[in-house]
């Protein structure tokens, strides 16, 4: 119970993203598990792997939050995410398009 109250009292970008994607993703994964066809199981696997990666980021985020102050961690997250987006922008033909 202490971990849940810690998520609410000291939110970071990763924890907010985890809460939103868990609220949307877990019901979707459960629904797909009960209604999938044999040929569509790879999509569920990829979603579960993505959820586990996000959970690993959350555990790392909570560990860093105990060792670094909340404001410093938020600044570090913003710098890392902005750096990744700039790198992606320049290495993919100066475009954020997926297709």
PDB file of N, CA and C in Angstrom:
ATOM      1  N   UNK A   1       0.817  -1.188   0.000  1.00  0.00           N
ATOM      2  CA  UNK A   1       0.000   0.000   0.000  1.00  0.00           C
ATOM      3  C   UNK A   1       0.863   1.256   0.000  1.00  0.00           C
ATOM      4  N   UNK A   2       2.043   1.167   0.582  1.00  0.00           N
ATOM      5  CA  UNK A   2       2.944   2.301   0.624  1.00  0.00           C
ATOM      6  C   UNK A   2       3.426   2.675  -0.781  1.00  0.00           C
ATOM      7  N   UNK A   3       3.610   1.689  -1.647  1.00  0.00           N
ATOM      8  CA  UNK A   3       4.067   1.958  -3.009  1.00  0.00           C
ATOM      9  C   UNK A   3       3.009   2.705  -3.812  1.00  0.00           C
ATOM     10  N   UNK A   4       1.742   2.387  -3.609  1.00  0.00           N
ATOM     11  CA  UNK A   4       0.668   3.065  -4.341  1.00  0.00           C
ATOM     12  C   UNK A   4       0.546   4.511  -3.880  1.00  0.00           C
ATOM     13  N   UNK A   5       0.633   4.748  -2.578  1.00  0.00           N
ATOM     14  CA  UNK A   5       0.559   6.129  -2.092  1.00  0.00           C
ATOM     15  C   UNK A   5       1.778   6.922  -2.537  1.00  0.00           C
ATOM     16  N   UNK A   6       2.925   6.269  -2.683  1.00  0.00           N
ATOM     17  CA  UNK A   6       4.129   6.939  -3.171  1.00  0.00           C
ATOM     18  C   UNK A   6       3.969   7.359  -4.631  1.00  0.00           C
ATOM     19  N   UNK A   7       3.273   6.539  -5.433  1.00  0.00           N
ATOM     20  CA  UNK A   7       3.017   6.907  -6.827  1.00  0.00           C
ATOM     21  C   UNK A   7       2.160   8.159  -6.920  1.00  0.00           C
ATOM     22  N   UNK A   8       1.204   8.309  -6.012  1.00  0.00           N
ATOM     23  CA  UNK A   8       0.305   9.450  -6.047  1.00  0.00           C
ATOM     24  C   UNK A   8       0.961  10.696  -5.448  1.00  0.00           C
ATOM     25  N   UNK A   9       1.708  10.528  -4.363  1.00  0.00           N
ATOM     26  CA  UNK A   9       2.313  11.680  -3.687  1.00  0.00           C
ATOM     27  C   UNK A   9       3.504  12.247  -4.446  1.00  0.00           C
ATOM     28  N   UNK A  10       4.284  11.400  -5.100  1.00  0.00           N
ATOM     29  CA  UNK A  10       5.489  11.856  -5.791  1.00  0.00           C
ATOM     30  C   UNK A  10       5.487  11.358  -7.238  1.00  0.00           C
ATOM     31  N   UNK A  11       4.624  11.905  -8.073  1.00  0.00           N
ATOM     32  CA  UNK A  11       4.567  11.424  -9.459  1.00  0.00           C
ATOM     33  C   UNK A  11       5.717  11.964 -10.304  1.00  0.00           C
ATOM     34  N   UNK A  12       6.152  11.157 -11.240  1.00  0.00           N
ATOM     35  CA  UNK A  12       7.107  11.578 -12.258  1.00  0.00           C
ATOM     36  C   UNK A  12       6.491  11.250 -13.609  1.00  0.00           C
ATOM     37  N   UNK A  13       7.176  11.624 -14.669  1.00  0.00           N
ATOM     38  CA  UNK A  13       6.655  11.378 -16.014  1.00  0.00           C
ATOM     39  C   UNK A  13       6.443   9.889 -16.254  1.00  0.00           C
ATOM     40  N   UNK A  14       7.405   9.075 -15.857  1.00  0.00           N
ATOM     41  CA  UNK A  14       7.314   7.629 -16.077  1.00  0.00           C
ATOM     42  C   UNK A  14       6.152   7.034 -15.277  1.00  0.00           C
ATOM     43  N   UNK A  15       5.961   7.475 -14.032  1.00  0.00           N
ATOM     44  CA  UNK A  15       4.884   6.904 -13.231  1.00  0.00           C
ATOM     45  C   UNK A  15       3.508   7.319 -13.759  1.00  0.00           C
ATOM     46  N   UNK A  16       3.385   8.553 -14.233  1.00  0.00           N
ATOM     47  CA  UNK A  16       2.117   8.986 -14.827  1.00  0.00           C
ATOM     48  C   UNK A  16       1.833   8.198 -16.099  1.00  0.00           C
ATOM     49  N   UNK A  17       2.854   8.016 -16.937  1.00  0.00           N
ATOM     50  CA  UNK A  17       2.711   7.231 -18.163  1.00  0.00           C
ATOM     51  C   UNK A  17       2.346   5.787 -17.836  1.00  0.00           C
ATOM     52  N   UNK A  18       2.959   5.214 -16.804  1.00  0.00           N
ATOM     53  CA  UNK A  18       2.665   3.842 -16.403  1.00  0.00           C
ATOM     54  C   UNK A  18       1.215   3.702 -15.945  1.00  0.00           C
ATOM     55  N   UNK A  19       0.732   4.653 -15.143  1.00  0.00           N
ATOM     56  CA  UNK A  19      -0.644   4.588 -14.645  1.00  0.00           C
ATOM     57  C   UNK A  19      -1.634   4.678 -15.804  1.00  0.00           C
ATOM     58  N   UNK A  20      -1.399   5.597 -16.738  1.00  0.00           N
ATOM     59  CA  UNK A  20      -2.314   5.759 -17.875  1.00  0.00           C
ATOM     60  C   UNK A  20      -2.310   4.516 -18.754  1.00  0.00           C
ATOM     61  N   UNK A  21      -1.130   4.020 -19.109  1.00  0.00           N
ATOM     62  CA  UNK A  21      -1.058   2.859 -19.998  1.00  0.00           C
ATOM     63  C   UNK A  21      -1.530   1.578 -19.314  1.00  0.00           C
ATOM     64  N   UNK A  22      -1.356   1.474 -18.009  1.00  0.00           N
ATOM     65  CA  UNK A  22      -1.873   0.312 -17.303  1.00  0.00           C
ATOM     66  C   UNK A  22      -3.396   0.337 -17.287  1.00  0.00           C
ATOM     67  N   UNK A  23      -3.954   1.516 -17.033  1.00  0.00           N
ATOM     68  CA  UNK A  23      -5.411   1.638 -17.025  1.00  0.00           C
ATOM     69  C   UNK A  23      -6.039   1.336 -18.368  1.00  0.00           C
ATOM     70  N   UNK A  24      -5.338   1.661 -19.442  1.00  0.00           N
ATOM     71  CA  UNK A  24      -5.859   1.376 -20.780  1.00  0.00           C
ATOM     72  C   UNK A  24      -5.440   0.008 -21.297  1.00  0.00           C
ATOM     73  N   UNK A  25      -4.209  -0.404 -20.982  1.00  0.00           N
ATOM     74  CA  UNK A  25      -3.647  -1.605 -21.582  1.00  0.00           C
ATOM     75  C   UNK A  25      -4.067  -2.923 -20.964  1.00  0.00           C
ATOM     76  N   UNK A  26      -4.158  -2.971 -19.651  1.00  0.00           N
ATOM     77  CA  UNK A  26      -4.488  -4.242 -18.991  1.00  0.00           C
ATOM     78  C   UNK A  26      -5.882  -4.741 -19.376  1.00  0.00           C
ATOM     79  N   UNK A  27      -6.917  -3.880 -19.368  1.00  0.00           N
ATOM     80  CA  UNK A  27      -8.218  -4.390 -19.830  1.00  0.00           C
ATOM     81  C   UNK A  27      -8.188  -4.835 -21.299  1.00  0.00           C
ATOM     82  N   UNK A  28      -7.424  -4.136 -22.119  1.00  0.00           N
ATOM     83  CA  UNK A  28      -7.305  -4.518 -23.521  1.00  0.00           C
ATOM     84  C   UNK A  28      -6.614  -5.873 -23.671  1.00  0.00           C
ATOM     85  N   UNK A  29      -5.553  -6.095 -22.915  1.00  0.00           N
ATOM     86  CA  UNK A  29      -4.836  -7.367 -22.979  1.00  0.00           C
ATOM     87  C   UNK A  29      -5.735  -8.508 -22.493  1.00  0.00           C
ATOM     88  N   UNK A  30      -6.457  -8.284 -21.397  1.00  0.00           N
ATOM     89  CA  UNK A  30      -7.356  -9.321 -20.877  1.00  0.00           C
ATOM     90  C   UNK A  30      -8.448  -9.632 -21.898  1.00  0.00           C
ATOM     91  N   UNK A  31      -9.025  -8.600 -22.509  1.00  0.00           N
ATOM     92  CA  UNK A  31     -10.053  -8.810 -23.534  1.00  0.00           C
ATOM     93  C   UNK A  31      -9.495  -9.600 -24.712  1.00  0.00           C
ATOM     94  N   UNK A  32      -8.296  -9.249 -25.161  1.00  0.00           N
ATOM     95  CA  UNK A  32      -7.702  -9.952 -26.293  1.00  0.00           C
ATOM     96  C   UNK A  32      -7.351 -11.387 -25.946  1.00  0.00           C
ATOM     97  N   UNK A  33      -6.974 -11.649 -24.707  1.00  0.00           N
ATOM     98  CA  UNK A  33      -6.657 -13.022 -24.315  1.00  0.00           C
ATOM     99  C   UNK A  33      -7.876 -13.936 -24.410  1.00  0.00           C
ATOM    100  N   UNK A  34      -9.055 -13.396 -24.112  1.00  0.00           N
ATOM    101  CA  UNK A  34     -10.263 -14.209 -24.146  1.00  0.00           C
ATOM    102  C   UNK A  34     -10.916 -14.261 -25.515  1.00  0.00           C
ATOM    103  N   UNK A  35     -10.551 -13.375 -26.426  1.00  0.00           N
ATOM    104  CA  UNK A  35     -11.220 -13.332 -27.722  1.00  0.00           C
ATOM    105  C   UNK A  35     -10.278 -13.481 -28.914  1.00  0.00           C
ATOM    106  N   UNK A  36      -9.000 -13.829 -28.707  1.00  0.00           N
ATOM    107  CA  UNK A  36      -8.064 -13.860 -29.831  1.00  0.00           C
ATOM    108  C   UNK A  36      -8.228 -15.130 -30.665  1.00  0.00           C
ATOM    109  N   UNK A  37      -7.813 -14.995 -31.913  1.00  0.00           N
ATOM    110  CA  UNK A  37      -7.746 -16.142 -32.807  1.00  0.00           C
ATOM    111  C   UNK A  37      -6.335 -16.695 -32.752  1.00  0.00           C
ATOM    112  N   UNK A  38      -6.145 -17.900 -33.245  1.00  0.00           N
ATOM    113  CA  UNK A  38      -4.832 -18.535 -33.175  1.00  0.00           C
ATOM    114  C   UNK A  38      -3.762 -17.757 -33.933  1.00  0.00           C
ATOM    115  N   UNK A  39      -4.127 -17.077 -34.994  1.00  0.00           N
ATOM    116  CA  UNK A  39      -3.133 -16.370 -35.796  1.00  0.00           C
ATOM    117  C   UNK A  39      -2.807 -14.994 -35.232  1.00  0.00           C
ATOM    118  N   UNK A  40      -3.534 -14.491 -34.237  1.00  0.00           N
ATOM    119  CA  UNK A  40      -3.327 -13.149 -33.730  1.00  0.00           C
ATOM    120  C   UNK A  40      -2.636 -13.077 -32.393  1.00  0.00           C
ATOM    121  N   UNK A  41      -1.924 -14.106 -32.000  1.00  0.00           N
ATOM    122  CA  UNK A  41      -1.341 -14.113 -30.661  1.00  0.00           C
ATOM    123  C   UNK A  41      -0.069 -13.280 -30.562  1.00  0.00           C
ATOM    124  N   UNK A  42       0.574 -12.924 -31.674  1.00  0.00           N
ATOM    125  CA  UNK A  42       1.801 -12.134 -31.617  1.00  0.00           C
ATOM    126  C   UNK A  42       1.527 -10.724 -31.104  1.00  0.00           C
ATOM    127  N   UNK A  43       0.388 -10.154 -31.437  1.00  0.00           N
ATOM    128  CA  UNK A  43       0.050  -8.817 -30.963  1.00  0.00           C
ATOM    129  C   UNK A  43      -0.064  -8.767 -29.457  1.00  0.00           C
ATOM    130  N   UNK A  44      -0.664  -9.777 -28.867  1.00  0.00           N
ATOM    131  CA  UNK A  44      -0.794  -9.843 -27.407  1.00  0.00           C
ATOM    132  C   UNK A  44       0.585  -9.991 -26.772  1.00  0.00           C
ATOM    133  N   UNK A  45       1.437 -10.791 -27.370  1.00  0.00           N
ATOM    134  CA  UNK A  45       2.787 -10.982 -26.855  1.00  0.00           C
ATOM    135  C   UNK A  45       3.563  -9.679 -26.862  1.00  0.00           C
ATOM    136  N   UNK A  46       3.469  -8.932 -27.937  1.00  0.00           N
ATOM    137  CA  UNK A  46       4.163  -7.643 -28.028  1.00  0.00           C
ATOM    138  C   UNK A  46       3.622  -6.663 -26.991  1.00  0.00           C
ATOM    139  N   UNK A  47       2.316  -6.659 -26.772  1.00  0.00           N
ATOM    140  CA  UNK A  47       1.732  -5.775 -25.751  1.00  0.00           C
ATOM    141  C   UNK A  47       2.213  -6.145 -24.360  1.00  0.00           C
ATOM    142  N   UNK A  48       2.290  -7.422 -24.058  1.00  0.00           N
ATOM    143  CA  UNK A  48       2.757  -7.859 -22.742  1.00  0.00           C
ATOM    144  C   UNK A  48       4.231  -7.517 -22.556  1.00  0.00           C
ATOM    145  N   UNK A  49       5.042  -7.696 -23.591  1.00  0.00           N
ATOM    146  CA  UNK A  49       6.462  -7.334 -23.509  1.00  0.00           C
ATOM    147  C   UNK A  49       6.611  -5.830 -23.294  1.00  0.00           C
ATOM    148  N   UNK A  50       5.820  -5.028 -23.991  1.00  0.00           N
ATOM    149  CA  UNK A  50       5.849  -3.579 -23.797  1.00  0.00           C
ATOM    150  C   UNK A  50       5.457  -3.198 -22.384  1.00  0.00           C
ATOM    151  N   UNK A  51       4.450  -3.878 -21.835  1.00  0.00           N
ATOM    152  CA  UNK A  51       4.023  -3.626 -20.463  1.00  0.00           C
ATOM    153  C   UNK A  51       5.135  -3.985 -19.481  1.00  0.00           C
ATOM    154  N   UNK A  52       5.833  -5.102 -19.709  1.00  0.00           N
ATOM    155  CA  UNK A  52       6.925  -5.492 -18.820  1.00  0.00           C
ATOM    156  C   UNK A  52       8.093  -4.512 -18.897  1.00  0.00           C
ATOM    157  N   UNK A  53       8.387  -3.995 -20.091  1.00  0.00           N
ATOM    158  CA  UNK A  53       9.443  -2.991 -20.237  1.00  0.00           C
ATOM    159  C   UNK A  53       9.058  -1.720 -19.486  1.00  0.00           C
ATOM    160  N   UNK A  54       7.800  -1.297 -19.610  1.00  0.00           N
ATOM    161  CA  UNK A  54       7.329  -0.117 -18.899  1.00  0.00           C
ATOM    162  C   UNK A  54       7.358  -0.344 -17.390  1.00  0.00           C
ATOM    163  N   UNK A  55       7.035  -1.552 -16.936  1.00  0.00           N
ATOM    164  CA  UNK A  55       7.118  -1.869 -15.510  1.00  0.00           C
ATOM    165  C   UNK A  55       8.570  -1.800 -15.031  1.00  0.00           C
ATOM    166  N   UNK A  56       9.502  -2.272 -15.844  1.00  0.00           N
ATOM    167  CA  UNK A  56      10.923  -2.163 -15.498  1.00  0.00           C
ATOM    168  C   UNK A  56      11.368  -0.707 -15.398  1.00  0.00           C
ATOM    169  N   UNK A  57      10.867   0.129 -16.302  1.00  0.00           N
ATOM    170  CA  UNK A  57      11.177   1.560 -16.217  1.00  0.00           C
ATOM    171  C   UNK A  57      10.595   2.173 -14.948  1.00  0.00           C
ATOM    172  N   UNK A  58       9.402   1.728 -14.553  1.00  0.00           N
ATOM    173  CA  UNK A  58       8.791   2.239 -13.330  1.00  0.00           C
ATOM    174  C   UNK A  58       9.606   1.839 -12.106  1.00  0.00           C
ATOM    175  N   UNK A  59      10.063   0.612 -12.048  1.00  0.00           N
ATOM    176  CA  UNK A  59      10.876   0.161 -10.915  1.00  0.00           C
ATOM    177  C   UNK A  59      12.178   0.966 -10.861  1.00  0.00           C
ATOM    178  N   UNK A  60      12.809   1.183 -12.010  1.00  0.00           N
ATOM    179  CA  UNK A  60      14.024   1.998 -12.068  1.00  0.00           C
ATOM    180  C   UNK A  60      13.740   3.429 -11.640  1.00  0.00           C
ATOM    181  N   UNK A  61      12.605   3.966 -12.082  1.00  0.00           N
ATOM    182  CA  UNK A  61      12.205   5.323 -11.731  1.00  0.00           C
ATOM    183  C   UNK A  61      11.999   5.462 -10.228  1.00  0.00           C
ATOM    184  N   UNK A  62      11.327   4.503  -9.608  1.00  0.00           N
ATOM    185  CA  UNK A  62      11.096   4.557  -8.164  1.00  0.00           C
ATOM    186  C   UNK A  62      12.413   4.429  -7.393  1.00  0.00           C
ATOM    187  N   UNK A  63      13.345   3.610  -7.897  1.00  0.00           N
ATOM    188  CA  UNK A  63      14.655   3.471  -7.253  1.00  0.00           C
ATOM    189  C   UNK A  63      15.425   4.792  -7.330  1.00  0.00           C
ATOM    190  N   UNK A  64      15.405   5.423  -8.505  1.00  0.00           N
ATOM    191  CA  UNK A  64      16.100   6.703  -8.652  1.00  0.00           C
ATOM    192  C   UNK A  64      15.444   7.793  -7.825  1.00  0.00           C
ATOM    193  N   UNK A  65      14.138   7.737  -7.674  1.00  0.00           N
ATOM    194  CA  UNK A  65      13.422   8.749  -6.896  1.00  0.00           C
ATOM    195  C   UNK A  65      13.802   8.691  -5.422  1.00  0.00           C
ATOM    196  N   UNK A  66      14.124   7.510  -4.930  1.00  0.00           N
ATOM    197  CA  UNK A  66      14.562   7.403  -3.532  1.00  0.00           C
ATOM    198  C   UNK A  66      15.954   7.993  -3.345  1.00  0.00           C
ATOM    199  N   UNK A  67      16.786   7.965  -4.407  1.00  0.00           N
ATOM    200  CA  UNK A  67      18.161   8.441  -4.299  1.00  0.00           C
ATOM    201  C   UNK A  67      18.350   9.870  -4.813  1.00  0.00           C
ATOM    202  N   UNK A  68      17.432  10.369  -5.622  1.00  0.00           N
ATOM    203  CA  UNK A  68      17.525  11.707  -6.208  1.00  0.00           C
ATOM    204  C   UNK A  68      16.232  12.434  -5.856  1.00  0.00           C
ATOM    205  N   UNK A  69      16.314  13.750  -5.698  1.00  0.00           N
ATOM    206  CA  UNK A  69      15.098  14.497  -5.364  1.00  0.00           C
ATOM    207  C   UNK A  69      14.127  14.487  -6.544  1.00  0.00           C
ATOM    208  N   UNK A  70      12.865  14.773  -6.273  1.00  0.00           N
ATOM    209  CA  UNK A  70      11.800  14.707  -7.272  1.00  0.00           C
ATOM    210  C   UNK A  70      12.026  15.701  -8.407  1.00  0.00           C
ATOM    211  N   UNK A  71      12.437  16.933  -8.084  1.00  0.00           N
ATOM    212  CA  UNK A  71      12.640  17.948  -9.117  1.00  0.00           C
ATOM    213  C   UNK A  71      13.812  17.606 -10.013  1.00  0.00           C
ATOM    214  N   UNK A  72      14.906  17.115  -9.433  1.00  0.00           N
ATOM    215  CA  UNK A  72      16.067  16.745 -10.243  1.00  0.00           C
ATOM    216  C   UNK A  72      15.728  15.588 -11.184  1.00  0.00           C
ATOM    217  N   UNK A  73      14.971  14.605 -10.679  1.00  0.00           N
ATOM    218  CA  UNK A  73      14.608  13.457 -11.509  1.00  0.00           C
ATOM    219  C   UNK A  73      13.704  13.884 -12.652  1.00  0.00           C
ATOM    220  N   UNK A  74      12.775  14.802 -12.406  1.00  0.00           N
ATOM    221  CA  UNK A  74      11.895  15.286 -13.468  1.00  0.00           C
ATOM    222  C   UNK A  74      12.700  16.020 -14.532  1.00  0.00           C
ATOM    223  N   UNK A  75      13.688  16.805 -14.124  1.00  0.00           N
ATOM    224  CA  UNK A  75      14.542  17.501 -15.082  1.00  0.00           C
ATOM    225  C   UNK A  75      15.355  16.498 -15.893  1.00  0.00           C
ATOM    226  N   UNK A  76      15.888  15.481 -15.229  1.00  0.00           N
ATOM    227  CA  UNK A  76      16.657  14.451 -15.938  1.00  0.00           C
ATOM    228  C   UNK A  76      15.773  13.722 -16.943  1.00  0.00           C
ATOM    229  N   UNK A  77      14.540  13.377 -16.563  1.00  0.00           N
ATOM    230  CA  UNK A  77      13.617  12.700 -17.485  1.00  0.00           C
ATOM    231  C   UNK A  77      13.311  13.574 -18.695  1.00  0.00           C
ATOM    232  N   UNK A  78      13.050  14.854 -18.469  1.00  0.00           N
ATOM    233  CA  UNK A  78      12.740  15.757 -19.581  1.00  0.00           C
ATOM    234  C   UNK A  78      13.933  15.873 -20.522  1.00  0.00           C
ATOM    235  N   UNK A  79      15.137  15.985 -19.981  1.00  0.00           N
ATOM    236  CA  UNK A  79      16.332  16.092 -20.821  1.00  0.00           C
ATOM    237  C   UNK A  79      16.537  14.813 -21.631  1.00  0.00           C
ATOM    238  N   UNK A  80      16.377  13.651 -20.998  1.00  0.00           N
ATOM    239  CA  UNK A  80      16.566  12.386 -21.715  1.00  0.00           C
ATOM    240  C   UNK A  80      15.509  12.182 -22.808  1.00  0.00           C
ATOM    241  N   UNK A  81      14.253  12.474 -22.503  1.00  0.00           N
ATOM    242  CA  UNK A  81      13.189  12.294 -23.486  1.00  0.00           C
ATOM    243  C   UNK A  81      13.339  13.287 -24.626  1.00  0.00           C
ATOM    244  N   UNK A  82      13.673  14.543 -24.318  1.00  0.00           N
ATOM    245  CA  UNK A  82      13.890  15.543 -25.360  1.00  0.00           C
ATOM    246  C   UNK A  82      15.088  15.169 -26.221  1.00  0.00           C
ATOM    247  N   UNK A  83      16.148  14.690 -25.587  1.00  0.00           N
ATOM    248  CA  UNK A  83      17.323  14.249 -26.348  1.00  0.00           C
ATOM    249  C   UNK A  83      16.998  13.108 -27.284  1.00  0.00           C
ATOM    250  N   UNK A  84      16.217  12.149 -26.820  1.00  0.00           N
ATOM    251  CA  UNK A  84      15.829  11.029 -27.681  1.00  0.00           C
ATOM    252  C   UNK A  84      14.972  11.504 -28.848  1.00  0.00           C
ATOM    253  N   UNK A  85      14.018  12.401 -28.580  1.00  0.00           N
ATOM    254  CA  UNK A  85      13.164  12.898 -29.659  1.00  0.00           C
ATOM    255  C   UNK A  85      13.956  13.698 -30.690  1.00  0.00           C
ATOM    256  N   UNK A  86      14.930  14.482 -30.240  1.00  0.00           N
ATOM    257  CA  UNK A  86      15.774  15.222 -31.176  1.00  0.00           C
ATOM    258  C   UNK A  86      16.617  14.257 -32.000  1.00  0.00           C
ATOM    259  N   UNK A  87      17.190  13.245 -31.359  1.00  0.00           N
ATOM    260  CA  UNK A  87      17.963  12.231 -32.078  1.00  0.00           C
ATOM    261  C   UNK A  87      17.097  11.528 -33.121  1.00  0.00           C
ATOM    262  N   UNK A  88      15.873  11.144 -32.727  1.00  0.00           N
ATOM    263  CA  UNK A  88      14.955  10.477 -33.647  1.00  0.00           C
ATOM    264  C   UNK A  88      14.598  11.387 -34.814  1.00  0.00           C
ATOM    265  N   UNK A  89      14.388  12.670 -34.528  1.00  0.00           N
ATOM    266  CA  UNK A  89      14.014  13.637 -35.558  1.00  0.00           C
ATOM    267  C   UNK A  89      15.110  13.767 -36.610  1.00  0.00           C
ATOM    268  N   UNK A  90      16.371  13.846 -36.180  1.00  0.00           N
ATOM    269  CA  UNK A  90      17.468  14.037 -37.130  1.00  0.00           C
ATOM    270  C   UNK A  90      17.885  12.753 -37.835  1.00  0.00           C
ATOM    271  N   UNK A  91      17.668  11.590 -37.235  1.00  0.00           N
ATOM    272  CA  UNK A  91      18.071  10.344 -37.881  1.00  0.00           C
ATOM    273  C   UNK A  91      16.987   9.740 -38.765  1.00  0.00           C
ATOM    274  N   UNK A  92      15.764  10.257 -38.710  1.00  0.00           N
ATOM    275  CA  UNK A  92      14.681   9.706 -39.520  1.00  0.00           C
ATOM    276  C   UNK A  92      14.127  10.749 -40.480  1.00  0.00           C
ATOM    277  N   UNK A  93      14.996  11.347 -41.265  1.00  0.00           N
ATOM    278  CA  UNK A  93      14.620  12.276 -42.318  1.00  0.00           C
ATOM    279  C   UNK A  93      13.860  13.498 -41.797  1.00  0.00           C
ATOM    280  N   UNK A  94      14.224  13.946 -40.623  1.00  0.00           N
ATOM    281  CA  UNK A  94      13.630  15.135 -40.013  1.00  0.00           C
ATOM    282  C   UNK A  94      12.105  15.068 -39.983  1.00  0.00           C
ATOM    283  N   UNK A  95      11.612  13.928 -39.545  1.00  0.00           N
ATOM    284  CA  UNK A  95      10.172  13.721 -39.525  1.00  0.00           C
ATOM    285  C   UNK A  95       9.801  12.853 -38.330  1.00  0.00           C
ATOM    286  N   UNK A  96       8.649  13.128 -37.739  1.00  0.00           N
ATOM    287  CA  UNK A  96       8.124  12.305 -36.662  1.00  0.00           C
ATOM    288  C   UNK A  96       7.056  11.345 -37.151  1.00  0.00           C
ATOM    289  N   UNK A  97       6.866  11.224 -38.456  1.00  0.00           N
ATOM    290  CA  UNK A  97       5.826  10.369 -38.973  1.00  0.00           C
ATOM    291  C   UNK A  97       6.193   8.892 -38.781  1.00  0.00           C
ATOM    292  N   UNK A  98       5.194   8.079 -38.554  1.00  0.00           N
ATOM    293  CA  UNK A  98       5.414   6.658 -38.328  1.00  0.00           C
ATOM    294  C   UNK A  98       5.472   5.916 -39.670  1.00  0.00           C
ATOM    295  N   UNK A  99       4.617   6.299 -40.589  1.00  0.00           N
ATOM    296  CA  UNK A  99       4.523   5.595 -41.858  1.00  0.00           C
ATOM    297  C   UNK A  99       5.432   6.130 -42.849  1.00  0.00           C
TER     298      UNK A  99
END
